[in-house]
Amino acid sequence: NRGLFTTTQEIPTSLSRLVADKLSVRQGLLLLDQLKAGSSVQVLTTDGKVVYQTTANADGQAVVNLSQHPKGAYVVKTATQSFKIANH
């Protein structure tokens, strides 16, 4: 069990590797790395409602805690890419 969040399997393998380098899950937290310092990170429902927003710290890292949000699919949007995660 990787934790509370997993990336969806529908993304191409090369993109999966790219996302895996920038994303990890630990103890219910979605950890993003290699972002531009101060850049925005948003988590949206599949219908576009923003449920969480934060900014990357000076090291280019951001932490997203969605443990209080319902199970389902979400979209994580950074300055350079977007991808789906599943909240289990």
Protein backbone atom coordinates (compact mmCIF):
# COMPACT_ATOMS: atom_id res chain seq x y z
CA ASN A 1 0.00 0.00 0.00
CA ARG A 2 1.60 3.24 -1.15
CA GLY A 3 -0.57 5.40 1.07
CA LEU A 4 -3.65 7.52 0.68
CA PHE A 5 -2.96 8.72 -2.86
CA THR A 6 -1.89 6.98 -6.04
CA THR A 7 -1.40 8.23 -9.56
CA THR A 8 -3.78 6.84 -12.13
CA GLN A 9 -2.58 4.11 -14.46
CA GLU A 10 -3.83 5.79 -17.63
CA ILE A 11 -0.86 8.12 -18.08
CA PRO A 12 1.88 7.08 -20.53
CA THR A 13 4.93 5.30 -19.12
CA SER A 14 7.35 8.15 -19.86
CA LEU A 15 5.05 10.62 -18.10
CA SER A 16 4.60 8.15 -15.24
CA ARG A 17 8.35 8.20 -14.67
CA LEU A 18 8.40 12.01 -14.83
CA VAL A 19 5.57 12.28 -12.30
CA ALA A 20 7.14 9.61 -10.06
CA ASP A 21 10.33 11.69 -9.87
CA LYS A 22 8.33 14.68 -8.62
CA LEU A 23 5.69 12.98 -6.51
CA SER A 24 5.65 10.68 -3.53
CA VAL A 25 3.16 9.64 -0.90
CA ARG A 26 3.99 9.28 2.77
CA GLN A 27 1.59 8.83 5.67
CA GLY A 28 -1.36 10.24 3.75
CA LEU A 29 0.52 13.25 2.44
CA LEU A 30 1.15 13.96 -1.22
CA LEU A 31 4.69 15.33 -1.52
CA LEU A 32 5.69 17.25 -4.65
CA ASP A 33 9.30 18.04 -5.49
CA GLN A 34 11.31 19.81 -8.20
CA LEU A 35 8.86 22.70 -8.44
CA LYS A 36 9.77 26.33 -8.98
CA ALA A 37 10.04 28.06 -5.59
CA GLY A 38 6.86 30.01 -4.86
CA SER A 39 4.89 28.36 -7.65
CA SER A 40 1.26 27.47 -7.09
CA VAL A 41 -0.04 23.95 -6.54
CA GLN A 42 -3.76 23.33 -6.77
CA VAL A 43 -5.83 20.21 -6.17
CA LEU A 44 -9.17 20.19 -7.94
CA THR A 45 -12.14 17.88 -8.14
CA THR A 46 -12.76 16.40 -11.57
CA ASP A 47 -15.45 19.04 -12.13
CA GLY A 48 -12.94 21.85 -11.51
CA LYS A 49 -13.60 22.90 -7.89
CA VAL A 50 -10.39 23.84 -6.04
CA VAL A 51 -10.23 21.86 -2.79
CA TYR A 52 -6.63 22.62 -1.79
CA GLN A 53 -4.10 25.24 -2.76
CA THR A 54 -0.56 25.87 -1.61
CA THR A 55 2.75 27.19 -2.90
CA ALA A 56 6.12 25.50 -3.25
CA ASN A 57 8.66 26.42 -0.61
CA ALA A 58 12.13 27.84 -1.30
CA ASP A 59 13.42 24.29 -1.99
CA GLY A 60 10.73 23.70 -4.64
CA GLN A 61 8.70 21.34 -2.48
CA ALA A 62 5.01 21.32 -1.58
CA VAL A 63 2.97 19.11 0.72
CA VAL A 64 -0.72 18.39 0.11
CA ASN A 65 -2.86 16.81 2.85
CA LEU A 66 -6.24 15.69 1.57
CA SER A 67 -7.01 13.15 4.26
CA GLN A 68 -10.16 15.08 5.22
CA HIS A 69 -11.50 15.05 1.66
CA PRO A 70 -13.81 12.40 0.20
CA LYS A 71 -12.50 9.40 -1.69
CA GLY A 72 -12.35 9.82 -5.45
CA ALA A 73 -10.32 11.24 -8.30
CA TYR A 74 -8.60 14.63 -8.10
CA VAL A 75 -6.46 16.67 -10.46
CA VAL A 76 -3.16 18.09 -9.21
CA LYS A 77 -2.15 21.19 -11.14
CA THR A 78 1.30 22.77 -10.97
CA ALA A 79 2.77 25.58 -13.04
CA THR A 80 4.11 23.13 -15.63
CA GLN A 81 1.84 20.06 -15.56
CA SER A 82 -1.39 18.50 -14.40
CA PHE A 83 -2.10 14.90 -13.48
CA LYS A 84 -4.76 12.77 -11.83
CA ILE A 85 -4.53 11.12 -8.46
CA ALA A 86 -6.97 8.83 -6.67
CA ASN A 87 -7.80 9.41 -3.02
CA HIS A 88 -8.35 5.93 -1.51
